[in-house]
């Protein structure tokens, strides 16, 4: 199984950029589907972006063209490059790992992203 630790959150002005990182420990990272979710105050957690074991990606409509998910299997890490940030991107961002073959999933502890002037 894997354990996840996020980093890279912080305070940024509108229009700025941040890069979130998620470090995974454990075995078989390369076969996990990895994703980033976010949860704003008073709102449900929502999917931001996902990358499969094969490298296919999908991004929520709200972040398409601004955010990019990527993974580095050699480093057991997944990243979220966030550009042109908006105040509505303010949320706690969570890393998620899923391995459907054994019905396993896990979450990181989250990292706060605040977009404000």
Protein backbone atom coordinates (compact mmCIF):
# COMPACT_ATOMS: atom_id res chain seq x y z
CA UNK A 1 0.00 0.00 0.00
CA UNK A 2 1.06 3.61 -0.30
CA UNK A 3 1.02 6.56 2.05
CA UNK A 4 0.79 10.10 0.70
CA UNK A 5 2.26 13.41 1.83
CA UNK A 6 1.41 16.66 0.04
CA UNK A 7 3.49 19.82 -0.06
CA UNK A 8 3.71 23.08 -1.95
CA UNK A 9 0.60 24.90 -0.82
CA UNK A 10 0.59 28.50 0.32
CA UNK A 11 -0.66 32.02 -0.27
CA UNK A 12 -0.46 33.40 -3.80
CA UNK A 13 -1.89 36.43 -5.56
CA UNK A 14 -4.48 36.08 -8.32
CA UNK A 15 -2.78 35.23 -11.58
CA UNK A 16 0.10 33.54 -9.80
CA UNK A 17 1.35 29.97 -9.89
CA UNK A 18 1.98 27.14 -7.46
CA UNK A 19 3.21 23.61 -7.85
CA UNK A 20 1.83 20.98 -5.51
CA UNK A 21 3.75 17.79 -4.88
CA UNK A 22 2.58 14.48 -3.49
CA UNK A 23 5.21 12.04 -2.31
CA UNK A 24 4.17 8.41 -2.04
CA UNK A 25 5.83 5.78 0.11
CA UNK A 26 5.17 2.11 -0.27
CA UNK A 27 5.15 -0.37 -3.09
CA UNK A 28 3.85 -0.45 -6.64
CA UNK A 29 3.29 3.30 -7.00
CA UNK A 30 3.41 3.04 -10.77
CA UNK A 31 0.23 0.95 -10.95
CA UNK A 32 -1.88 3.37 -8.93
CA UNK A 33 -4.30 5.85 -10.42
CA UNK A 34 -3.39 9.18 -8.84
CA UNK A 35 -5.54 12.25 -8.48
CA UNK A 36 -5.83 15.66 -6.91
CA UNK A 37 -9.04 16.74 -5.22
CA UNK A 38 -9.89 19.99 -3.48
CA UNK A 39 -12.35 21.11 -0.85
CA UNK A 40 -13.31 24.71 -0.27
CA UNK A 41 -14.99 25.83 2.98
CA UNK A 42 -18.63 24.80 3.03
CA UNK A 43 -18.34 22.84 -0.21
CA UNK A 44 -18.01 19.19 -1.15
CA UNK A 45 -14.69 17.72 -2.12
CA UNK A 46 -14.29 17.79 -5.90
CA UNK A 47 -12.01 16.10 -8.37
CA UNK A 48 -9.44 18.45 -9.91
CA UNK A 49 -7.34 16.15 -12.06
CA UNK A 50 -6.44 12.49 -12.46
CA UNK A 51 -3.57 10.57 -14.05
CA UNK A 52 -3.81 6.85 -14.70
CA UNK A 53 -1.06 4.27 -14.40
CA UNK A 54 -0.67 4.50 -18.16
CA UNK A 55 -0.20 8.26 -18.03
CA UNK A 56 -3.57 9.38 -19.35
CA UNK A 57 -4.81 12.57 -17.75
CA UNK A 58 -8.11 14.30 -17.26
CA UNK A 59 -8.80 17.70 -15.74
CA UNK A 60 -11.95 19.30 -14.40
CA UNK A 61 -13.48 21.87 -16.73
CA UNK A 62 -12.89 24.57 -14.12
CA UNK A 63 -9.11 24.11 -14.30
CA UNK A 64 -8.53 23.03 -17.92
CA UNK A 65 -5.85 25.11 -19.55
CA UNK A 66 -4.60 26.35 -16.18
CA UNK A 67 -3.68 23.25 -14.17
CA UNK A 68 -1.62 20.25 -15.24
CA UNK A 69 -1.27 16.94 -13.43
CA UNK A 70 1.81 14.81 -13.95
CA UNK A 71 3.54 11.87 -12.34
CA UNK A 72 7.12 10.68 -11.97
CA UNK A 73 7.13 6.97 -11.26
CA UNK A 74 10.88 6.94 -10.64
CA UNK A 75 10.34 9.36 -7.76
CA UNK A 76 6.97 7.93 -6.67
CA UNK A 77 5.49 11.39 -6.95
CA UNK A 78 2.58 13.20 -8.53
CA UNK A 79 2.42 16.91 -9.18
CA UNK A 80 -0.15 19.59 -9.86
CA UNK A 81 1.12 22.65 -11.68
CA UNK A 82 -1.35 25.46 -11.12
CA UNK A 83 -1.12 28.60 -13.25
CA UNK A 84 -3.35 31.66 -13.59
CA UNK A 85 -4.75 31.03 -10.14
CA UNK A 86 -8.08 32.57 -9.19
CA UNK A 87 -9.61 33.30 -5.78
CA UNK A 88 -12.10 30.50 -6.42
CA UNK A 89 -9.21 28.04 -6.50
CA UNK A 90 -8.79 28.61 -2.77
CA UNK A 91 -9.21 25.25 -1.04
CA UNK A 92 -7.45 22.42 0.72
CA UNK A 93 -5.93 20.21 -1.95
CA UNK A 94 -5.72 16.47 -1.35
CA UNK A 95 -3.70 13.81 -3.08
CA UNK A 96 -5.51 10.52 -3.72
CA UNK A 97 -4.28 7.08 -4.74
CA UNK A 98 -6.43 4.26 -6.00
CA UNK A 99 -5.72 0.66 -6.93
CA UNK A 100 -8.92 -0.86 -8.26
CA UNK A 101 -7.59 -4.43 -8.54
CA UNK A 102 -7.51 -4.75 -4.76
CA UNK A 103 -10.16 -2.19 -3.88
CA UNK A 104 -7.66 0.09 -2.15
CA UNK A 105 -7.64 3.85 -1.92
CA UNK A 106 -5.98 6.38 0.36
CA UNK A 107 -5.73 10.14 0.92
CA UNK A 108 -3.02 12.53 1.92
CA UNK A 109 -3.51 14.99 4.75
CA UNK A 110 -4.10 17.96 2.45
CA UNK A 111 -2.33 21.22 1.75
CA UNK A 112 -3.92 24.66 1.88
CA UNK A 113 -3.92 26.86 -1.20
CA UNK A 114 -5.11 30.43 -0.74
CA UNK A 115 -5.43 32.80 -3.67
CA UNK A 116 -5.86 36.36 -2.47
CA UNK A 117 -4.50 39.82 -3.02
